[in-house]
Amino acid sequence: VPADKLERLQSKAKVNYHIGRGTFSRLHKAEIDKIGLTRKNGT
């Protein structure tokens, strides 16, 4: 993220003690998709 936008992110930081169902898998899949990692069968 560009330096001039970091302060805006900082000002909006908020902790949520509840982690929704599926959050881990959703965030993980999004990152794996960016990396482009797949099994031999394409999954």
PDB file of all heavy atoms in Angstrom:
ATOM      1  N   VAL A   1       0.840  -1.194   0.000  1.00  0.00           N
ATOM      2  CA  VAL A   1       0.000   0.000   0.000  1.00  0.00           C
ATOM      3  C   VAL A   1       0.881   1.253   0.000  1.00  0.00           C
ATOM      4  O   VAL A   1       1.836   1.341   0.781  1.00  0.00           O
ATOM      5  CB  VAL A   1      -0.936   0.009   1.233  1.00  0.00           C
ATOM      6  CG1 VAL A   1      -1.670   1.340   1.366  1.00  0.00           C
ATOM      7  CG2 VAL A   1      -1.942  -1.140   1.132  1.00  0.00           C
ATOM      8  N   PRO A   2       0.586   2.241  -0.843  1.00  0.00           N
ATOM      9  CA  PRO A   2       1.382   3.480  -0.869  1.00  0.00           C
ATOM     10  C   PRO A   2       1.410   4.164   0.492  1.00  0.00           C
ATOM     11  O   PRO A   2       0.430   4.104   1.246  1.00  0.00           O
ATOM     12  CB  PRO A   2       0.642   4.343  -1.897  1.00  0.00           C
ATOM     13  CG  PRO A   2      -0.071   3.362  -2.770  1.00  0.00           C
ATOM     14  CD  PRO A   2      -0.474   2.242  -1.859  1.00  0.00           C
ATOM     15  N   ALA A   3       2.513   4.794   0.803  1.00  0.00           N
ATOM     16  CA  ALA A   3       2.712   5.419   2.109  1.00  0.00           C
ATOM     17  C   ALA A   3       1.626   6.432   2.452  1.00  0.00           C
ATOM     18  O   ALA A   3       1.227   6.556   3.611  1.00  0.00           O
ATOM     19  CB  ALA A   3       4.091   6.071   2.165  1.00  0.00           C
ATOM     20  N   ASP A   4       1.133   7.165   1.450  1.00  0.00           N
ATOM     21  CA  ASP A   4       0.157   8.210   1.724  1.00  0.00           C
ATOM     22  C   ASP A   4      -1.227   7.650   2.081  1.00  0.00           C
ATOM     23  O   ASP A   4      -2.108   8.403   2.499  1.00  0.00           O
ATOM     24  CB  ASP A   4       0.035   9.160   0.525  1.00  0.00           C
ATOM     25  CG  ASP A   4      -0.418   8.438  -0.745  1.00  0.00           C
ATOM     26  OD1 ASP A   4      -0.177   7.219  -0.867  1.00  0.00           O
ATOM     27  OD2 ASP A   4      -1.010   9.102  -1.610  1.00  0.00           O
ATOM     28  N   LYS A   5      -1.412   6.342   1.932  1.00  0.00           N
ATOM     29  CA  LYS A   5      -2.701   5.739   2.273  1.00  0.00           C
ATOM     30  C   LYS A   5      -2.659   4.940   3.577  1.00  0.00           C
ATOM     31  O   LYS A   5      -3.692   4.488   4.062  1.00  0.00           O
ATOM     32  CB  LYS A   5      -3.168   4.828   1.132  1.00  0.00           C
ATOM     33  CG  LYS A   5      -3.467   5.573  -0.153  1.00  0.00           C
ATOM     34  CD  LYS A   5      -4.001   4.640  -1.221  1.00  0.00           C
ATOM     35  CE  LYS A   5      -4.332   5.423  -2.497  1.00  0.00           C
ATOM     36  NZ  LYS A   5      -4.864   4.532  -3.564  1.00  0.00           N
ATOM     37  N   LEU A   6      -1.481   4.796   4.139  1.00  0.00           N
ATOM     38  CA  LEU A   6      -1.332   4.002   5.357  1.00  0.00           C
ATOM     39  C   LEU A   6      -2.009   4.649   6.561  1.00  0.00           C
ATOM     40  O   LEU A   6      -2.595   3.964   7.405  1.00  0.00           O
ATOM     41  CB  LEU A   6       0.146   3.753   5.654  1.00  0.00           C
ATOM     42  CG  LEU A   6       0.865   2.791   4.701  1.00  0.00           C
ATOM     43  CD1 LEU A   6       2.353   2.765   5.011  1.00  0.00           C
ATOM     44  CD2 LEU A   6       0.278   1.386   4.820  1.00  0.00           C
ATOM     45  N   GLU A   7      -1.918   5.969   6.667  1.00  0.00           N
ATOM     46  CA  GLU A   7      -2.531   6.651   7.807  1.00  0.00           C
ATOM     47  C   GLU A   7      -4.046   6.462   7.816  1.00  0.00           C
ATOM     48  O   GLU A   7      -4.653   6.345   8.884  1.00  0.00           O
ATOM     49  CB  GLU A   7      -2.170   8.136   7.796  1.00  0.00           C
ATOM     50  CG  GLU A   7      -0.726   8.411   8.173  1.00  0.00           C
ATOM     51  CD  GLU A   7      -0.449   9.892   8.360  1.00  0.00           C
ATOM     52  OE1 GLU A   7      -1.407  10.694   8.304  1.00  0.00           O
ATOM     53  OE2 GLU A   7       0.730  10.246   8.566  1.00  0.00           O
ATOM     54  N   ARG A   8      -4.642   6.408   6.643  1.00  0.00           N
ATOM     55  CA  ARG A   8      -6.090   6.191   6.563  1.00  0.00           C
ATOM     56  C   ARG A   8      -6.437   4.793   7.058  1.00  0.00           C
ATOM     57  O   ARG A   8      -7.405   4.604   7.797  1.00  0.00           O
ATOM     58  CB  ARG A   8      -6.572   6.365   5.125  1.00  0.00           C
ATOM     59  CG  ARG A   8      -8.101   6.304   4.978  1.00  0.00           C
ATOM     60  CD  ARG A   8      -8.523   6.735   3.580  1.00  0.00           C
ATOM     61  NE  ARG A   8      -9.975   6.797   3.474  1.00  0.00           N
ATOM     62  CZ  ARG A   8     -10.751   5.760   3.187  1.00  0.00           C
ATOM     63  NH1 ARG A   8     -10.196   4.574   2.976  1.00  0.00           N
ATOM     64  NH2 ARG A   8     -12.061   5.884   3.115  1.00  0.00           N
ATOM     65  N   LEU A   9      -5.650   3.802   6.664  1.00  0.00           N
ATOM     66  CA  LEU A   9      -5.864   2.449   7.161  1.00  0.00           C
ATOM     67  C   LEU A   9      -5.682   2.396   8.675  1.00  0.00           C
ATOM     68  O   LEU A   9      -6.455   1.761   9.389  1.00  0.00           O
ATOM     69  CB  LEU A   9      -4.898   1.475   6.486  1.00  0.00           C
ATOM     70  CG  LEU A   9      -5.194   1.088   5.042  1.00  0.00           C
ATOM     71  CD1 LEU A   9      -4.049   0.265   4.470  1.00  0.00           C
ATOM     72  CD2 LEU A   9      -6.495   0.307   4.951  1.00  0.00           C
ATOM     73  N   GLN A  10      -4.653   3.078   9.150  1.00  0.00           N
ATOM     74  CA  GLN A  10      -4.384   3.102  10.582  1.00  0.00           C
ATOM     75  C   GLN A  10      -5.560   3.685  11.360  1.00  0.00           C
ATOM     76  O   GLN A  10      -5.954   3.158  12.399  1.00  0.00           O
ATOM     77  CB  GLN A  10      -3.120   3.927  10.864  1.00  0.00           C
ATOM     78  CG  GLN A  10      -2.753   3.984  12.347  1.00  0.00           C
ATOM     79  CD  GLN A  10      -1.651   4.999  12.614  1.00  0.00           C
ATOM     80  OE1 GLN A  10      -1.455   5.936  11.834  1.00  0.00           O
ATOM     81  NE2 GLN A  10      -0.933   4.819  13.709  1.00  0.00           N
ATOM     82  N   SER A  11      -6.149   4.733  10.843  1.00  0.00           N
ATOM     83  CA  SER A  11      -7.257   5.401  11.535  1.00  0.00           C
ATOM     84  C   SER A  11      -8.518   4.543  11.579  1.00  0.00           C
ATOM     85  O   SER A  11      -9.387   4.738  12.430  1.00  0.00           O
ATOM     86  CB  SER A  11      -7.579   6.737  10.852  1.00  0.00           C
ATOM     87  OG  SER A  11      -8.131   6.532   9.559  1.00  0.00           O
ATOM     88  N   LYS A  12      -8.617   3.567  10.672  1.00  0.00           N
ATOM     89  CA  LYS A  12      -9.808   2.723  10.615  1.00  0.00           C
ATOM     90  C   LYS A  12      -9.618   1.369  11.283  1.00  0.00           C
ATOM     91  O   LYS A  12     -10.525   0.526  11.286  1.00  0.00           O
ATOM     92  CB  LYS A  12     -10.224   2.516   9.151  1.00  0.00           C
ATOM     93  CG  LYS A  12     -10.755   3.779   8.478  1.00  0.00           C
ATOM     94  CD  LYS A  12     -11.193   3.496   7.056  1.00  0.00           C
ATOM     95  CE  LYS A  12     -11.833   4.727   6.426  1.00  0.00           C
ATOM     96  NZ  LYS A  12     -13.096   5.089   7.088  1.00  0.00           N
ATOM     97  N   ALA A  13      -8.439   1.144  11.858  1.00  0.00           N
ATOM     98  CA  ALA A  13      -8.155  -0.152  12.485  1.00  0.00           C
ATOM     99  C   ALA A  13      -9.109  -0.424  13.644  1.00  0.00           C
ATOM    100  O   ALA A  13      -9.279   0.400  14.537  1.00  0.00           O
ATOM    101  CB  ALA A  13      -6.714  -0.191  12.965  1.00  0.00           C
ATOM    102  N   LYS A  14      -9.721  -1.589  13.614  1.00  0.00           N
ATOM    103  CA  LYS A  14     -10.680  -1.965  14.659  1.00  0.00           C
ATOM    104  C   LYS A  14     -10.624  -3.475  14.876  1.00  0.00           C
ATOM    105  O   LYS A  14     -10.642  -4.251  13.922  1.00  0.00           O
ATOM    106  CB  LYS A  14     -12.100  -1.556  14.240  1.00  0.00           C
ATOM    107  CG  LYS A  14     -13.170  -1.863  15.277  1.00  0.00           C
ATOM    108  CD  LYS A  14     -14.535  -1.407  14.788  1.00  0.00           C
ATOM    109  CE  LYS A  14     -15.615  -1.725  15.828  1.00  0.00           C
ATOM    110  NZ  LYS A  14     -16.973  -1.308  15.353  1.00  0.00           N
ATOM    111  N   VAL A  15     -10.547  -3.873  16.141  1.00  0.00           N
ATOM    112  CA  VAL A  15     -10.475  -5.296  16.442  1.00  0.00           C
ATOM    113  C   VAL A  15     -11.873  -5.874  16.631  1.00  0.00           C
ATOM    114  O   VAL A  15     -12.743  -5.263  17.251  1.00  0.00           O
ATOM    115  CB  VAL A  15      -9.606  -5.557  17.698  1.00  0.00           C
ATOM    116  CG1 VAL A  15     -10.223  -4.911  18.945  1.00  0.00           C
ATOM    117  CG2 VAL A  15      -9.406  -7.048  17.921  1.00  0.00           C
ATOM    118  N   ASN A  16     -12.081  -7.029  16.050  1.00  0.00           N
ATOM    119  CA  ASN A  16     -13.338  -7.758  16.189  1.00  0.00           C
ATOM    120  C   ASN A  16     -13.004  -9.105  16.821  1.00  0.00           C
ATOM    121  O   ASN A  16     -12.271  -9.906  16.236  1.00  0.00           O
ATOM    122  CB  ASN A  16     -14.001  -7.954  14.822  1.00  0.00           C
ATOM    123  CG  ASN A  16     -15.382  -8.584  14.920  1.00  0.00           C
ATOM    124  OD1 ASN A  16     -15.708  -9.227  15.909  1.00  0.00           O
ATOM    125  ND2 ASN A  16     -16.187  -8.417  13.891  1.00  0.00           N
ATOM    126  N   TYR A  17     -13.552  -9.358  17.992  1.00  0.00           N
ATOM    127  CA  TYR A  17     -13.189 -10.580  18.707  1.00  0.00           C
ATOM    128  C   TYR A  17     -13.826 -11.829  18.092  1.00  0.00           C
ATOM    129  O   TYR A  17     -13.397 -12.944  18.356  1.00  0.00           O
ATOM    130  CB  TYR A  17     -13.589 -10.458  20.178  1.00  0.00           C
ATOM    131  CG  TYR A  17     -12.897  -9.313  20.871  1.00  0.00           C
ATOM    132  CD1 TYR A  17     -13.594  -8.181  21.266  1.00  0.00           C
ATOM    133  CD2 TYR A  17     -11.526  -9.350  21.100  1.00  0.00           C
ATOM    134  CE1 TYR A  17     -12.943  -7.117  21.881  1.00  0.00           C
ATOM    135  CE2 TYR A  17     -10.869  -8.293  21.708  1.00  0.00           C
ATOM    136  CZ  TYR A  17     -11.590  -7.181  22.099  1.00  0.00           C
ATOM    137  OH  TYR A  17     -10.943  -6.137  22.697  1.00  0.00           O
ATOM    138  N   HIS A  18     -14.839 -11.642  17.283  1.00  0.00           N
ATOM    139  CA  HIS A  18     -15.498 -12.774  16.643  1.00  0.00           C
ATOM    140  C   HIS A  18     -14.954 -12.967  15.234  1.00  0.00           C
ATOM    141  O   HIS A  18     -14.953 -12.042  14.424  1.00  0.00           O
ATOM    142  CB  HIS A  18     -17.021 -12.548  16.563  1.00  0.00           C
ATOM    143  CG  HIS A  18     -17.737 -13.596  15.775  1.00  0.00           C
ATOM    144  ND1 HIS A  18     -17.921 -14.877  16.243  1.00  0.00           N
ATOM    145  CD2 HIS A  18     -18.299 -13.562  14.530  1.00  0.00           C
ATOM    146  CE1 HIS A  18     -18.564 -15.587  15.344  1.00  0.00           C
ATOM    147  NE2 HIS A  18     -18.805 -14.822  14.294  1.00  0.00           N
ATOM    148  N   ILE A  19     -14.477 -14.171  14.962  1.00  0.00           N
ATOM    149  CA  ILE A  19     -14.015 -14.522  13.630  1.00  0.00           C
ATOM    150  C   ILE A  19     -15.089 -15.378  12.986  1.00  0.00           C
ATOM    151  O   ILE A  19     -15.405 -16.465  13.466  1.00  0.00           O
ATOM    152  CB  ILE A  19     -12.675 -15.284  13.680  1.00  0.00           C
ATOM    153  CG1 ILE A  19     -11.593 -14.405  14.309  1.00  0.00           C
ATOM    154  CG2 ILE A  19     -12.248 -15.712  12.274  1.00  0.00           C
ATOM    155  CD1 ILE A  19     -10.269 -15.106  14.491  1.00  0.00           C
ATOM    156  N   GLY A  20     -15.686 -14.875  11.926  1.00  0.00           N
ATOM    157  CA  GLY A  20     -16.806 -15.547  11.286  1.00  0.00           C
ATOM    158  C   GLY A  20     -16.448 -16.900  10.700  1.00  0.00           C
ATOM    159  O   GLY A  20     -15.298 -17.171  10.349  1.00  0.00           O
ATOM    160  N   ARG A  21     -17.430 -17.753  10.609  1.00  0.00           N
ATOM    161  CA  ARG A  21     -17.246 -19.074  10.015  1.00  0.00           C
ATOM    162  C   ARG A  21     -16.797 -18.921   8.558  1.00  0.00           C
ATOM    163  O   ARG A  21     -17.381 -18.174   7.787  1.00  0.00           O
ATOM    164  CB  ARG A  21     -18.560 -19.861  10.080  1.00  0.00           C
ATOM    165  CG  ARG A  21     -18.447 -21.305   9.601  1.00  0.00           C
ATOM    166  CD  ARG A  21     -19.761 -22.041   9.791  1.00  0.00           C
ATOM    167  NE  ARG A  21     -19.684 -23.406   9.320  1.00  0.00           N
ATOM    168  CZ  ARG A  21     -19.206 -24.416  10.014  1.00  0.00           C
ATOM    169  NH1 ARG A  21     -18.766 -24.214  11.244  1.00  0.00           N
ATOM    170  NH2 ARG A  21     -19.167 -25.645   9.523  1.00  0.00           N
ATOM    171  N   GLY A  22     -15.759 -19.605   8.192  1.00  0.00           N
ATOM    172  CA  GLY A  22     -15.277 -19.545   6.827  1.00  0.00           C
ATOM    173  C   GLY A  22     -14.256 -18.457   6.560  1.00  0.00           C
ATOM    174  O   GLY A  22     -13.703 -18.387   5.453  1.00  0.00           O
ATOM    175  N   THR A  23     -13.985 -17.594   7.569  1.00  0.00           N
ATOM    176  CA  THR A  23     -13.044 -16.487   7.358  1.00  0.00           C
ATOM    177  C   THR A  23     -11.647 -16.987   7.024  1.00  0.00           C
ATOM    178  O   THR A  23     -11.008 -16.508   6.076  1.00  0.00           O
ATOM    179  CB  THR A  23     -12.984 -15.578   8.599  1.00  0.00           C
ATOM    180  OG1 THR A  23     -14.272 -15.008   8.836  1.00  0.00           O
ATOM    181  CG2 THR A  23     -11.969 -14.459   8.408  1.00  0.00           C
ATOM    182  N   PHE A  24     -11.146 -17.954   7.795  1.00  0.00           N
ATOM    183  CA  PHE A  24      -9.802 -18.472   7.552  1.00  0.00           C
ATOM    184  C   PHE A  24      -9.683 -19.029   6.129  1.00  0.00           C
ATOM    185  O   PHE A  24      -8.738 -18.722   5.398  1.00  0.00           O
ATOM    186  CB  PHE A  24      -9.454 -19.578   8.548  1.00  0.00           C
ATOM    187  CG  PHE A  24      -9.264 -19.113   9.964  1.00  0.00           C
ATOM    188  CD1 PHE A  24      -9.257 -20.015  11.010  1.00  0.00           C
ATOM    189  CD2 PHE A  24      -9.077 -17.771  10.261  1.00  0.00           C
ATOM    190  CE1 PHE A  24      -9.072 -19.601  12.317  1.00  0.00           C
ATOM    191  CE2 PHE A  24      -8.895 -17.344  11.562  1.00  0.00           C
ATOM    192  CZ  PHE A  24      -8.892 -18.268  12.601  1.00  0.00           C
ATOM    193  N   SER A  25     -10.649 -19.845   5.743  1.00  0.00           N
ATOM    194  CA  SER A  25     -10.600 -20.481   4.423  1.00  0.00           C
ATOM    195  C   SER A  25     -10.708 -19.446   3.304  1.00  0.00           C
ATOM    196  O   SER A  25     -10.021 -19.535   2.280  1.00  0.00           O
ATOM    197  CB  SER A  25     -11.720 -21.508   4.291  1.00  0.00           C
ATOM    198  OG  SER A  25     -11.526 -22.572   5.199  1.00  0.00           O
ATOM    199  N   ARG A  26     -11.563 -18.438   3.506  1.00  0.00           N
ATOM    200  CA  ARG A  26     -11.750 -17.405   2.487  1.00  0.00           C
ATOM    201  C   ARG A  26     -10.470 -16.607   2.257  1.00  0.00           C
ATOM    202  O   ARG A  26     -10.039 -16.394   1.107  1.00  0.00           O
ATOM    203  CB  ARG A  26     -12.889 -16.466   2.890  1.00  0.00           C
ATOM    204  CG  ARG A  26     -13.072 -15.275   1.950  1.00  0.00           C
ATOM    205  CD  ARG A  26     -14.282 -14.440   2.355  1.00  0.00           C
ATOM    206  NE  ARG A  26     -14.201 -13.947   3.715  1.00  0.00           N
ATOM    207  CZ  ARG A  26     -13.506 -12.865   4.078  1.00  0.00           C
ATOM    208  NH1 ARG A  26     -12.819 -12.177   3.182  1.00  0.00           N
ATOM    209  NH2 ARG A  26     -13.508 -12.462   5.345  1.00  0.00           N
ATOM    210  N   LEU A  27      -9.843 -16.159   3.344  1.00  0.00           N
ATOM    211  CA  LEU A  27      -8.622 -15.371   3.233  1.00  0.00           C
ATOM    212  C   LEU A  27      -7.482 -16.214   2.662  1.00  0.00           C
ATOM    213  O   LEU A  27      -6.679 -15.739   1.849  1.00  0.00           O
ATOM    214  CB  LEU A  27      -8.231 -14.802   4.598  1.00  0.00           C
ATOM    215  CG  LEU A  27      -9.196 -13.788   5.213  1.00  0.00           C
ATOM    216  CD1 LEU A  27      -8.730 -13.392   6.606  1.00  0.00           C
ATOM    217  CD2 LEU A  27      -9.332 -12.550   4.324  1.00  0.00           C
ATOM    218  N   HIS A  28      -7.424 -17.466   3.094  1.00  0.00           N
ATOM    219  CA  HIS A  28      -6.370 -18.364   2.624  1.00  0.00           C
ATOM    220  C   HIS A  28      -6.516 -18.625   1.132  1.00  0.00           C
ATOM    221  O   HIS A  28      -5.538 -18.549   0.369  1.00  0.00           O
ATOM    222  CB  HIS A  28      -6.451 -19.685   3.405  1.00  0.00           C
ATOM    223  CG  HIS A  28      -5.461 -20.713   2.954  1.00  0.00           C
ATOM    224  ND1 HIS A  28      -5.786 -21.704   2.052  1.00  0.00           N
ATOM    225  CD2 HIS A  28      -4.148 -20.898   3.258  1.00  0.00           C
ATOM    226  CE1 HIS A  28      -4.725 -22.462   1.840  1.00  0.00           C
ATOM    227  NE2 HIS A  28      -3.729 -21.999   2.548  1.00  0.00           N
ATOM    228  N   LYS A  29      -7.722 -18.917   0.673  1.00  0.00           N
ATOM    229  CA  LYS A  29      -7.944 -19.207  -0.746  1.00  0.00           C
ATOM    230  C   LYS A  29      -7.593 -18.006  -1.623  1.00  0.00           C
ATOM    231  O   LYS A  29      -6.990 -18.155  -2.691  1.00  0.00           O
ATOM    232  CB  LYS A  29      -9.395 -19.619  -0.998  1.00  0.00           C
ATOM    233  CG  LYS A  29      -9.664 -20.029  -2.445  1.00  0.00           C
ATOM    234  CD  LYS A  29     -11.096 -20.446  -2.647  1.00  0.00           C
ATOM    235  CE  LYS A  29     -11.308 -20.944  -4.086  1.00  0.00           C
ATOM    236  NZ  LYS A  29     -10.922 -19.949  -5.108  1.00  0.00           N
ATOM    237  N   ALA A  30      -7.951 -16.808  -1.150  1.00  0.00           N
ATOM    238  CA  ALA A  30      -7.652 -15.606  -1.927  1.00  0.00           C
ATOM    239  C   ALA A  30      -6.149 -15.451  -2.128  1.00  0.00           C
ATOM    240  O   ALA A  30      -5.686 -15.084  -3.217  1.00  0.00           O
ATOM    241  CB  ALA A  30      -8.227 -14.379  -1.220  1.00  0.00           C
ATOM    242  N   GLU A  31      -5.368 -15.745  -1.089  1.00  0.00           N
ATOM    243  CA  GLU A  31      -3.919 -15.603  -1.196  1.00  0.00           C
ATOM    244  C   GLU A  31      -3.308 -16.712  -2.042  1.00  0.00           C
ATOM    245  O   GLU A  31      -2.397 -16.463  -2.846  1.00  0.00           O
ATOM    246  CB  GLU A  31      -3.292 -15.593   0.204  1.00  0.00           C
ATOM    247  CG  GLU A  31      -1.878 -15.061   0.252  1.00  0.00           C
ATOM    248  CD  GLU A  31      -1.758 -13.611  -0.198  1.00  0.00           C
ATOM    249  OE1 GLU A  31      -2.760 -12.873  -0.133  1.00  0.00           O
ATOM    250  OE2 GLU A  31      -0.662 -13.214  -0.632  1.00  0.00           O
ATOM    251  N   ILE A  32      -3.799 -17.944  -1.871  1.00  0.00           N
ATOM    252  CA  ILE A  32      -3.294 -19.059  -2.669  1.00  0.00           C
ATOM    253  C   ILE A  32      -3.589 -18.823  -4.150  1.00  0.00           C
ATOM    254  O   ILE A  32      -2.771 -19.134  -5.026  1.00  0.00           O
ATOM    255  CB  ILE A  32      -3.922 -20.382  -2.196  1.00  0.00           C
ATOM    256  CG1 ILE A  32      -3.395 -20.764  -0.804  1.00  0.00           C
ATOM    257  CG2 ILE A  32      -3.635 -21.511  -3.184  1.00  0.00           C
ATOM    258  CD1 ILE A  32      -1.907 -21.012  -0.735  1.00  0.00           C
ATOM    259  N   ASP A  33      -4.753 -18.240  -4.429  1.00  0.00           N
ATOM    260  CA  ASP A  33      -5.095 -17.923  -5.820  1.00  0.00           C
ATOM    261  C   ASP A  33      -4.108 -16.907  -6.408  1.00  0.00           C
ATOM    262  O   ASP A  33      -3.716 -17.003  -7.579  1.00  0.00           O
ATOM    263  CB  ASP A  33      -6.513 -17.363  -5.908  1.00  0.00           C
ATOM    264  CG  ASP A  33      -7.578 -18.433  -5.728  1.00  0.00           C
ATOM    265  OD1 ASP A  33      -7.224 -19.634  -5.788  1.00  0.00           O
ATOM    266  OD2 ASP A  33      -8.747 -18.088  -5.496  1.00  0.00           O
ATOM    267  N   LYS A  34      -3.698 -15.921  -5.589  1.00  0.00           N
ATOM    268  CA  LYS A  34      -2.728 -14.925  -6.052  1.00  0.00           C
ATOM    269  C   LYS A  34      -1.386 -15.570  -6.366  1.00  0.00           C
ATOM    270  O   LYS A  34      -0.722 -15.240  -7.346  1.00  0.00           O
ATOM    271  CB  LYS A  34      -2.531 -13.840  -4.987  1.00  0.00           C
ATOM    272  CG  LYS A  34      -3.697 -12.890  -4.824  1.00  0.00           C
ATOM    273  CD  LYS A  34      -3.374 -11.867  -3.746  1.00  0.00           C
ATOM    274  CE  LYS A  34      -4.543 -10.945  -3.475  1.00  0.00           C
ATOM    275  NZ  LYS A  34      -4.241  -9.988  -2.381  1.00  0.00           N
ATOM    276  N   ILE A  35      -0.987 -16.501  -5.487  1.00  0.00           N
ATOM    277  CA  ILE A  35       0.294 -17.182  -5.667  1.00  0.00           C
ATOM    278  C   ILE A  35       0.254 -18.091  -6.897  1.00  0.00           C
ATOM    279  O   ILE A  35       1.243 -18.273  -7.600  1.00  0.00           O
ATOM    280  CB  ILE A  35       0.640 -18.008  -4.406  1.00  0.00           C
ATOM    281  CG1 ILE A  35       0.890 -17.072  -3.219  1.00  0.00           C
ATOM    282  CG2 ILE A  35       1.867 -18.888  -4.639  1.00  0.00           C
ATOM    283  CD1 ILE A  35       1.025 -17.792  -1.892  1.00  0.00           C
ATOM    284  N   GLY A  36      -0.926 -18.661  -7.135  1.00  0.00           N
ATOM    285  CA  GLY A  36      -1.073 -19.552  -8.277  1.00  0.00           C
ATOM    286  C   GLY A  36      -0.707 -20.989  -7.976  1.00  0.00           C
ATOM    287  O   GLY A  36      -0.382 -21.767  -8.881  1.00  0.00           O
ATOM    288  N   LEU A  37      -0.771 -21.367  -6.684  1.00  0.00           N
ATOM    289  CA  LEU A  37      -0.416 -22.729  -6.291  1.00  0.00           C
ATOM    290  C   LEU A  37      -1.590 -23.667  -6.552  1.00  0.00           C
ATOM    291  O   LEU A  37      -2.705 -23.425  -6.094  1.00  0.00           O
ATOM    292  CB  LEU A  37      -0.041 -22.769  -4.810  1.00  0.00           C
ATOM    293  CG  LEU A  37       0.349 -24.134  -4.245  1.00  0.00           C
ATOM    294  CD1 LEU A  37       1.645 -24.614  -4.891  1.00  0.00           C
ATOM    295  CD2 LEU A  37       0.518 -24.045  -2.724  1.00  0.00           C
ATOM    296  N   THR A  38      -1.342 -24.734  -7.281  1.00  0.00           N
ATOM    297  CA  THR A  38      -2.378 -25.736  -7.532  1.00  0.00           C
ATOM    298  C   THR A  38      -1.785 -27.131  -7.397  1.00  0.00           C
ATOM    299  O   THR A  38      -0.571 -27.325  -7.510  1.00  0.00           O
ATOM    300  CB  THR A  38      -2.976 -25.606  -8.950  1.00  0.00           C
ATOM    301  OG1 THR A  38      -1.925 -25.758  -9.910  1.00  0.00           O
ATOM    302  CG2 THR A  38      -3.662 -24.261  -9.138  1.00  0.00           C
ATOM    303  N   ARG A  39      -2.666 -28.112  -7.146  1.00  0.00           N
ATOM    304  CA  ARG A  39      -2.247 -29.505  -7.151  1.00  0.00           C
ATOM    305  C   ARG A  39      -2.084 -29.971  -8.601  1.00  0.00           C
ATOM    306  O   ARG A  39      -2.454 -29.278  -9.538  1.00  0.00           O
ATOM    307  CB  ARG A  39      -3.299 -30.373  -6.449  1.00  0.00           C
ATOM    308  CG  ARG A  39      -3.554 -30.042  -4.996  1.00  0.00           C
ATOM    309  CD  ARG A  39      -4.464 -31.114  -4.416  1.00  0.00           C
ATOM    310  NE  ARG A  39      -4.817 -30.835  -3.028  1.00  0.00           N
ATOM    311  CZ  ARG A  39      -6.005 -30.383  -2.651  1.00  0.00           C
ATOM    312  NH1 ARG A  39      -6.944 -30.146  -3.548  1.00  0.00           N
ATOM    313  NH2 ARG A  39      -6.259 -30.170  -1.375  1.00  0.00           N
ATOM    314  N   LYS A  40      -1.571 -31.181  -8.754  1.00  0.00           N
ATOM    315  CA  LYS A  40      -1.381 -31.734 -10.090  1.00  0.00           C
ATOM    316  C   LYS A  40      -2.707 -31.928 -10.809  1.00  0.00           C
ATOM    317  O   LYS A  40      -2.755 -31.907 -12.043  1.00  0.00           O
ATOM    318  CB  LYS A  40      -0.625 -33.065  -9.998  1.00  0.00           C
ATOM    319  CG  LYS A  40       0.837 -32.904  -9.584  1.00  0.00           C
ATOM    320  CD  LYS A  40       1.551 -34.237  -9.540  1.00  0.00           C
ATOM    321  CE  LYS A  40       3.015 -34.061  -9.143  1.00  0.00           C
ATOM    322  NZ  LYS A  40       3.724 -35.370  -9.085  1.00  0.00           N
ATOM    323  N   ASN A  41      -3.788 -32.142 -10.022  1.00  0.00           N
ATOM    324  CA  ASN A  41      -5.094 -32.336 -10.645  1.00  0.00           C
ATOM    325  C   ASN A  41      -5.813 -31.012 -10.918  1.00  0.00           C
ATOM    326  O   ASN A  41      -6.967 -30.990 -11.339  1.00  0.00           O
ATOM    327  CB  ASN A  41      -5.975 -33.246  -9.794  1.00  0.00           C
ATOM    328  CG  ASN A  41      -6.296 -32.643  -8.428  1.00  0.00           C
ATOM    329  OD1 ASN A  41      -5.955 -31.486  -8.150  1.00  0.00           O
ATOM    330  ND2 ASN A  41      -6.939 -33.418  -7.577  1.00  0.00           N
ATOM    331  N   GLY A  42      -5.118 -29.891 -10.649  1.00  0.00           N
ATOM    332  CA  GLY A  42      -5.679 -28.582 -10.958  1.00  0.00           C
ATOM    333  C   GLY A  42      -6.474 -27.930  -9.846  1.00  0.00           C
ATOM    334  O   GLY A  42      -6.891 -26.778  -9.970  1.00  0.00           O
ATOM    335  N   THR A  43      -6.680 -28.641  -8.734  1.00  0.00           N
ATOM    336  CA  THR A  43      -7.429 -28.061  -7.616  1.00  0.00           C
ATOM    337  C   THR A  43      -6.510 -27.242  -6.719  1.00  0.00           C
ATOM    338  O   THR A  43      -5.293 -27.403  -6.736  1.00  0.00           O
ATOM    339  CB  THR A  43      -8.124 -29.150  -6.786  1.00  0.00           C
ATOM    340  OG1 THR A  43      -7.130 -30.048  -6.259  1.00  0.00           O
ATOM    341  CG2 THR A  43      -9.121 -29.922  -7.638  1.00  0.00           C
TER     342      THR A  43
END
